[in-house]
Amino acid sequence: MRAIDLSDVIWRKSSYSNQDGGECLEVAAGLPSPSLVPVRDSKAPSRGTLLFEASAWAAFVRGVKR
């Protein structure tokens, strides 16, 4: 599997985050492949990133909104 360079992506923190360090996540934009969505823990970004296919991520978000 080829490594994906995430050094230039723009991380966006969840709108539910707060100054108290709430348990939230960050989603990145700006990958060369729009078919992947990087997600990481906003409290511990160095612990790694999960990559989801865009369709799977969209289905997850739709489910959460319901």
PDB file of N, CA and C in Angstrom:
ATOM      1  N   MET A   1       0.851  -1.180   0.000  1.00  0.00           N
ATOM      2  CA  MET A   1       0.000   0.000   0.000  1.00  0.00           C
ATOM      3  C   MET A   1       0.892   1.238   0.000  1.00  0.00           C
ATOM      4  N   ARG A   2       0.547   2.202  -0.794  1.00  0.00           N
ATOM      5  CA  ARG A   2       1.318   3.430  -0.938  1.00  0.00           C
ATOM      6  C   ARG A   2       0.968   4.418   0.183  1.00  0.00           C
ATOM      7  N   ALA A   3       1.972   5.061   0.742  1.00  0.00           N
ATOM      8  CA  ALA A   3       1.744   6.059   1.791  1.00  0.00           C
ATOM      9  C   ALA A   3       1.132   7.316   1.163  1.00  0.00           C
ATOM     10  N   ILE A   4       0.249   7.958   1.889  1.00  0.00           N
ATOM     11  CA  ILE A   4      -0.395   9.175   1.416  1.00  0.00           C
ATOM     12  C   ILE A   4       0.156  10.349   2.213  1.00  0.00           C
ATOM     13  N   ASP A   5       0.631  11.357   1.495  1.00  0.00           N
ATOM     14  CA  ASP A   5       1.214  12.537   2.128  1.00  0.00           C
ATOM     15  C   ASP A   5       0.100  13.452   2.631  1.00  0.00           C
ATOM     16  N   LEU A   6       0.028  13.621   3.938  1.00  0.00           N
ATOM     17  CA  LEU A   6      -1.000  14.472   4.546  1.00  0.00           C
ATOM     18  C   LEU A   6      -0.427  15.783   5.080  1.00  0.00           C
ATOM     19  N   SER A   7       0.817  16.088   4.706  1.00  0.00           N
ATOM     20  CA  SER A   7       1.478  17.267   5.272  1.00  0.00           C
ATOM     21  C   SER A   7       0.865  18.591   4.809  1.00  0.00           C
ATOM     22  N   ASP A   8       0.209  18.604   3.652  1.00  0.00           N
ATOM     23  CA  ASP A   8      -0.355  19.854   3.137  1.00  0.00           C
ATOM     24  C   ASP A   8      -1.867  19.956   3.252  1.00  0.00           C
ATOM     25  N   VAL A   9      -2.502  18.966   3.880  1.00  0.00           N
ATOM     26  CA  VAL A   9      -3.959  19.026   3.974  1.00  0.00           C
ATOM     27  C   VAL A   9      -4.388  20.049   5.018  1.00  0.00           C
ATOM     28  N   ILE A  10      -5.591  20.508   4.888  1.00  0.00           N
ATOM     29  CA  ILE A  10      -6.160  21.480   5.829  1.00  0.00           C
ATOM     30  C   ILE A  10      -7.135  20.727   6.729  1.00  0.00           C
ATOM     31  N   TRP A  11      -6.811  20.670   8.028  1.00  0.00           N
ATOM     32  CA  TRP A  11      -7.650  19.953   8.987  1.00  0.00           C
ATOM     33  C   TRP A  11      -8.739  20.876   9.493  1.00  0.00           C
ATOM     34  N   ARG A  12      -9.943  20.358   9.560  1.00  0.00           N
ATOM     35  CA  ARG A  12     -11.103  21.115  10.032  1.00  0.00           C
ATOM     36  C   ARG A  12     -11.653  20.400  11.255  1.00  0.00           C
ATOM     37  N   LYS A  13     -11.701  21.117  12.367  1.00  0.00           N
ATOM     38  CA  LYS A  13     -12.198  20.524  13.617  1.00  0.00           C
ATOM     39  C   LYS A  13     -13.715  20.526  13.636  1.00  0.00           C
ATOM     40  N   SER A  14     -14.271  19.554  14.292  1.00  0.00           N
ATOM     41  CA  SER A  14     -15.720  19.451  14.417  1.00  0.00           C
ATOM     42  C   SER A  14     -16.290  20.718  15.043  1.00  0.00           C
ATOM     43  N   SER A  15     -17.460  21.114  14.581  1.00  0.00           N
ATOM     44  CA  SER A  15     -18.118  22.296  15.151  1.00  0.00           C
ATOM     45  C   SER A  15     -18.569  22.043  16.585  1.00  0.00           C
ATOM     46  N   TYR A  16     -18.538  20.784  17.024  1.00  0.00           N
ATOM     47  CA  TYR A  16     -18.913  20.445  18.393  1.00  0.00           C
ATOM     48  C   TYR A  16     -17.732  20.526  19.354  1.00  0.00           C
ATOM     49  N   SER A  17     -16.541  20.839  18.842  1.00  0.00           N
ATOM     50  CA  SER A  17     -15.365  20.992  19.707  1.00  0.00           C
ATOM     51  C   SER A  17     -15.530  22.229  20.569  1.00  0.00           C
ATOM     52  N   ASN A  18     -14.872  22.207  21.705  1.00  0.00           N
ATOM     53  CA  ASN A  18     -14.902  23.384  22.566  1.00  0.00           C
ATOM     54  C   ASN A  18     -13.517  23.632  23.158  1.00  0.00           C
ATOM     55  N   GLN A  19     -13.365  24.700  23.902  1.00  0.00           N
ATOM     56  CA  GLN A  19     -12.073  25.058  24.487  1.00  0.00           C
ATOM     57  C   GLN A  19     -11.650  24.093  25.577  1.00  0.00           C
ATOM     58  N   ASP A  20     -12.552  23.286  26.088  1.00  0.00           N
ATOM     59  CA  ASP A  20     -12.231  22.345  27.161  1.00  0.00           C
ATOM     60  C   ASP A  20     -11.636  21.043  26.637  1.00  0.00           C
ATOM     61  N   GLY A  21     -11.386  20.976  25.322  1.00  0.00           N
ATOM     62  CA  GLY A  21     -10.796  19.769  24.758  1.00  0.00           C
ATOM     63  C   GLY A  21     -11.798  18.638  24.622  1.00  0.00           C
ATOM     64  N   GLY A  22     -13.008  18.971  24.229  1.00  0.00           N
ATOM     65  CA  GLY A  22     -14.042  17.964  24.053  1.00  0.00           C
ATOM     66  C   GLY A  22     -13.586  16.817  23.157  1.00  0.00           C
ATOM     67  N   GLU A  23     -14.231  15.705  23.287  1.00  0.00           N
ATOM     68  CA  GLU A  23     -13.839  14.519  22.535  1.00  0.00           C
ATOM     69  C   GLU A  23     -14.340  14.635  21.102  1.00  0.00           C
ATOM     70  N   CYS A  24     -13.510  15.224  20.235  1.00  0.00           N
ATOM     71  CA  CYS A  24     -13.924  15.503  18.869  1.00  0.00           C
ATOM     72  C   CYS A  24     -12.911  14.996  17.866  1.00  0.00           C
ATOM     73  N   LEU A  25     -13.246  15.183  16.626  1.00  0.00           N
ATOM     74  CA  LEU A  25     -12.363  14.732  15.567  1.00  0.00           C
ATOM     75  C   LEU A  25     -12.142  15.845  14.573  1.00  0.00           C
ATOM     76  N   GLU A  26     -11.152  15.610  13.695  1.00  0.00           N
ATOM     77  CA  GLU A  26     -10.842  16.538  12.621  1.00  0.00           C
ATOM     78  C   GLU A  26     -10.940  15.783  11.306  1.00  0.00           C
ATOM     79  N   VAL A  27     -11.410  16.480  10.291  1.00  0.00           N
ATOM     80  CA  VAL A  27     -11.516  15.930   8.945  1.00  0.00           C
ATOM     81  C   VAL A  27     -10.672  16.817   8.045  1.00  0.00           C
ATOM     82  N   ALA A  28      -9.958  16.211   7.105  1.00  0.00           N
ATOM     83  CA  ALA A  28      -9.075  16.981   6.233  1.00  0.00           C
ATOM     84  C   ALA A  28      -9.656  17.138   4.839  1.00  0.00           C
ATOM     85  N   ALA A  29      -9.303  18.254   4.235  1.00  0.00           N
ATOM     86  CA  ALA A  29      -9.639  18.520   2.837  1.00  0.00           C
ATOM     87  C   ALA A  29      -8.337  18.786   2.089  1.00  0.00           C
ATOM     88  N   GLY A  30      -8.373  18.671   0.804  1.00  0.00           N
ATOM     89  CA  GLY A  30      -7.208  19.023   0.003  1.00  0.00           C
ATOM     90  C   GLY A  30      -6.361  17.855  -0.459  1.00  0.00           C
ATOM     91  N   LEU A  31      -6.862  16.642  -0.325  1.00  0.00           N
ATOM     92  CA  LEU A  31      -6.117  15.492  -0.842  1.00  0.00           C
ATOM     93  C   LEU A  31      -6.164  15.486  -2.362  1.00  0.00           C
ATOM     94  N   PRO A  32      -5.101  14.995  -2.997  1.00  0.00           N
ATOM     95  CA  PRO A  32      -5.137  14.876  -4.461  1.00  0.00           C
ATOM     96  C   PRO A  32      -6.268  13.956  -4.929  1.00  0.00           C
ATOM     97  N   SER A  33      -6.625  12.981  -4.107  1.00  0.00           N
ATOM     98  CA  SER A  33      -7.707  12.065  -4.447  1.00  0.00           C
ATOM     99  C   SER A  33      -8.947  12.418  -3.633  1.00  0.00           C
ATOM    100  N   PRO A  34      -9.956  13.028  -4.259  1.00  0.00           N
ATOM    101  CA  PRO A  34     -11.163  13.380  -3.505  1.00  0.00           C
ATOM    102  C   PRO A  34     -11.993  12.165  -3.081  1.00  0.00           C
ATOM    103  N   SER A  35     -11.558  10.983  -3.468  1.00  0.00           N
ATOM    104  CA  SER A  35     -12.309   9.782  -3.098  1.00  0.00           C
ATOM    105  C   SER A  35     -11.967   9.294  -1.693  1.00  0.00           C
ATOM    106  N   LEU A  36     -10.995   9.956  -1.033  1.00  0.00           N
ATOM    107  CA  LEU A  36     -10.598   9.579   0.327  1.00  0.00           C
ATOM    108  C   LEU A  36     -10.827  10.731   1.287  1.00  0.00           C
ATOM    109  N   VAL A  37     -11.249  10.393   2.515  1.00  0.00           N
ATOM    110  CA  VAL A  37     -11.475  11.397   3.562  1.00  0.00           C
ATOM    111  C   VAL A  37     -10.625  11.021   4.772  1.00  0.00           C
ATOM    112  N   PRO A  38      -9.582  11.818   5.086  1.00  0.00           N
ATOM    113  CA  PRO A  38      -8.778  11.565   6.278  1.00  0.00           C
ATOM    114  C   PRO A  38      -9.472  12.084   7.533  1.00  0.00           C
ATOM    115  N   VAL A  39      -9.410  11.300   8.606  1.00  0.00           N
ATOM    116  CA  VAL A  39     -10.042  11.654   9.877  1.00  0.00           C
ATOM    117  C   VAL A  39      -9.046  11.340  10.989  1.00  0.00           C
ATOM    118  N   ARG A  40      -8.944  12.229  11.981  1.00  0.00           N
ATOM    119  CA  ARG A  40      -8.053  11.993  13.128  1.00  0.00           C
ATOM    120  C   ARG A  40      -8.666  12.546  14.404  1.00  0.00           C
ATOM    121  N   ASP A  41      -8.140  12.108  15.534  1.00  0.00           N
ATOM    122  CA  ASP A  41      -8.564  12.561  16.859  1.00  0.00           C
ATOM    123  C   ASP A  41      -7.965  13.944  17.096  1.00  0.00           C
ATOM    124  N   SER A  42      -8.788  14.940  17.372  1.00  0.00           N
ATOM    125  CA  SER A  42      -8.283  16.298  17.559  1.00  0.00           C
ATOM    126  C   SER A  42      -7.449  16.448  18.829  1.00  0.00           C
ATOM    127  N   LYS A  43      -7.639  15.546  19.793  1.00  0.00           N
ATOM    128  CA  LYS A  43      -6.862  15.620  21.044  1.00  0.00           C
ATOM    129  C   LYS A  43      -5.492  14.981  20.894  1.00  0.00           C
ATOM    130  N   ALA A  44      -5.351  14.067  19.953  1.00  0.00           N
ATOM    131  CA  ALA A  44      -4.087  13.336  19.787  1.00  0.00           C
ATOM    132  C   ALA A  44      -3.804  13.114  18.301  1.00  0.00           C
ATOM    133  N   PRO A  45      -3.569  14.188  17.546  1.00  0.00           N
ATOM    134  CA  PRO A  45      -3.392  14.044  16.099  1.00  0.00           C
ATOM    135  C   PRO A  45      -2.176  13.203  15.698  1.00  0.00           C
ATOM    136  N   SER A  46      -1.199  13.115  16.553  1.00  0.00           N
ATOM    137  CA  SER A  46       0.001  12.339  16.213  1.00  0.00           C
ATOM    138  C   SER A  46      -0.230  10.833  16.311  1.00  0.00           C
ATOM    139  N   ARG A  47      -1.357  10.413  16.849  1.00  0.00           N
ATOM    140  CA  ARG A  47      -1.636   8.978  17.002  1.00  0.00           C
ATOM    141  C   ARG A  47      -2.047   8.302  15.707  1.00  0.00           C
ATOM    142  N   GLY A  48      -2.272   9.078  14.673  1.00  0.00           N
ATOM    143  CA  GLY A  48      -2.572   8.478  13.380  1.00  0.00           C
ATOM    144  C   GLY A  48      -3.842   9.015  12.752  1.00  0.00           C
ATOM    145  N   THR A  49      -4.035   8.602  11.531  1.00  0.00           N
ATOM    146  CA  THR A  49      -5.161   9.058  10.727  1.00  0.00           C
ATOM    147  C   THR A  49      -5.875   7.852  10.125  1.00  0.00           C
ATOM    148  N   LEU A  50      -7.174   7.913  10.104  1.00  0.00           N
ATOM    149  CA  LEU A  50      -7.978   6.903   9.420  1.00  0.00           C
ATOM    150  C   LEU A  50      -8.383   7.475   8.076  1.00  0.00           C
ATOM    151  N   LEU A  51      -8.349   6.654   7.031  1.00  0.00           N
ATOM    152  CA  LEU A  51      -8.782   7.071   5.704  1.00  0.00           C
ATOM    153  C   LEU A  51     -10.057   6.313   5.347  1.00  0.00           C
ATOM    154  N   PHE A  52     -11.090   7.061   5.019  1.00  0.00           N
ATOM    155  CA  PHE A  52     -12.364   6.475   4.625  1.00  0.00           C
ATOM    156  C   PHE A  52     -12.624   6.794   3.164  1.00  0.00           C
ATOM    157  N   GLU A  53     -13.274   5.888   2.462  1.00  0.00           N
ATOM    158  CA  GLU A  53     -13.743   6.226   1.122  1.00  0.00           C
ATOM    159  C   GLU A  53     -14.819   7.283   1.286  1.00  0.00           C
ATOM    160  N   ALA A  54     -14.851   8.234   0.361  1.00  0.00           N
ATOM    161  CA  ALA A  54     -15.779   9.364   0.466  1.00  0.00           C
ATOM    162  C   ALA A  54     -17.227   8.896   0.582  1.00  0.00           C
ATOM    163  N   SER A  55     -17.595   7.849  -0.143  1.00  0.00           N
ATOM    164  CA  SER A  55     -18.982   7.368  -0.079  1.00  0.00           C
ATOM    165  C   SER A  55     -19.305   6.794   1.301  1.00  0.00           C
ATOM    166  N   ALA A  56     -18.348   6.103   1.919  1.00  0.00           N
ATOM    167  CA  ALA A  56     -18.560   5.555   3.262  1.00  0.00           C
ATOM    168  C   ALA A  56     -18.668   6.681   4.285  1.00  0.00           C
ATOM    169  N   TRP A  57     -17.820   7.698   4.155  1.00  0.00           N
ATOM    170  CA  TRP A  57     -17.871   8.833   5.075  1.00  0.00           C
ATOM    171  C   TRP A  57     -19.202   9.573   4.942  1.00  0.00           C
ATOM    172  N   ALA A  58     -19.661   9.773   3.704  1.00  0.00           N
ATOM    173  CA  ALA A  58     -20.932  10.461   3.480  1.00  0.00           C
ATOM    174  C   ALA A  58     -22.084   9.673   4.100  1.00  0.00           C
ATOM    175  N   ALA A  59     -22.051   8.364   3.983  1.00  0.00           N
ATOM    176  CA  ALA A  59     -23.093   7.530   4.589  1.00  0.00           C
ATOM    177  C   ALA A  59     -23.055   7.642   6.106  1.00  0.00           C
ATOM    178  N   PHE A  60     -21.874   7.684   6.689  1.00  0.00           N
ATOM    179  CA  PHE A  60     -21.729   7.841   8.135  1.00  0.00           C
ATOM    180  C   PHE A  60     -22.323   9.182   8.587  1.00  0.00           C
ATOM    181  N   VAL A  61     -21.976  10.249   7.901  1.00  0.00           N
ATOM    182  CA  VAL A  61     -22.468  11.584   8.262  1.00  0.00           C
ATOM    183  C   VAL A  61     -23.992  11.638   8.139  1.00  0.00           C
ATOM    184  N   ARG A  62     -24.534  11.057   7.078  1.00  0.00           N
ATOM    185  CA  ARG A  62     -25.996  11.030   6.933  1.00  0.00           C
ATOM    186  C   ARG A  62     -26.643  10.290   8.103  1.00  0.00           C
ATOM    187  N   GLY A  63     -26.049   9.188   8.504  1.00  0.00           N
ATOM    188  CA  GLY A  63     -26.579   8.415   9.621  1.00  0.00           C
ATOM    189  C   GLY A  63     -26.532   9.177  10.932  1.00  0.00           C
ATOM    190  N   VAL A  64     -25.461   9.903  11.168  1.00  0.00           N
ATOM    191  CA  VAL A  64     -25.329  10.702  12.396  1.00  0.00           C
ATOM    192  C   VAL A  64     -26.365  11.818  12.409  1.00  0.00           C
ATOM    193  N   LYS A  65     -26.588  12.437  11.258  1.00  0.00           N
ATOM    194  CA  LYS A  65     -27.558  13.538  11.198  1.00  0.00           C
ATOM    195  C   LYS A  65     -28.982  13.076  11.465  1.00  0.00           C
ATOM    196  N   ARG A  66     -29.266  11.829  11.161  1.00  0.00           N
ATOM    197  CA  ARG A  66     -30.618  11.304  11.410  1.00  0.00           C
ATOM    198  C   ARG A  66     -30.802  11.125  12.885  1.00  0.00           C
TER     199      ARG A  66
END
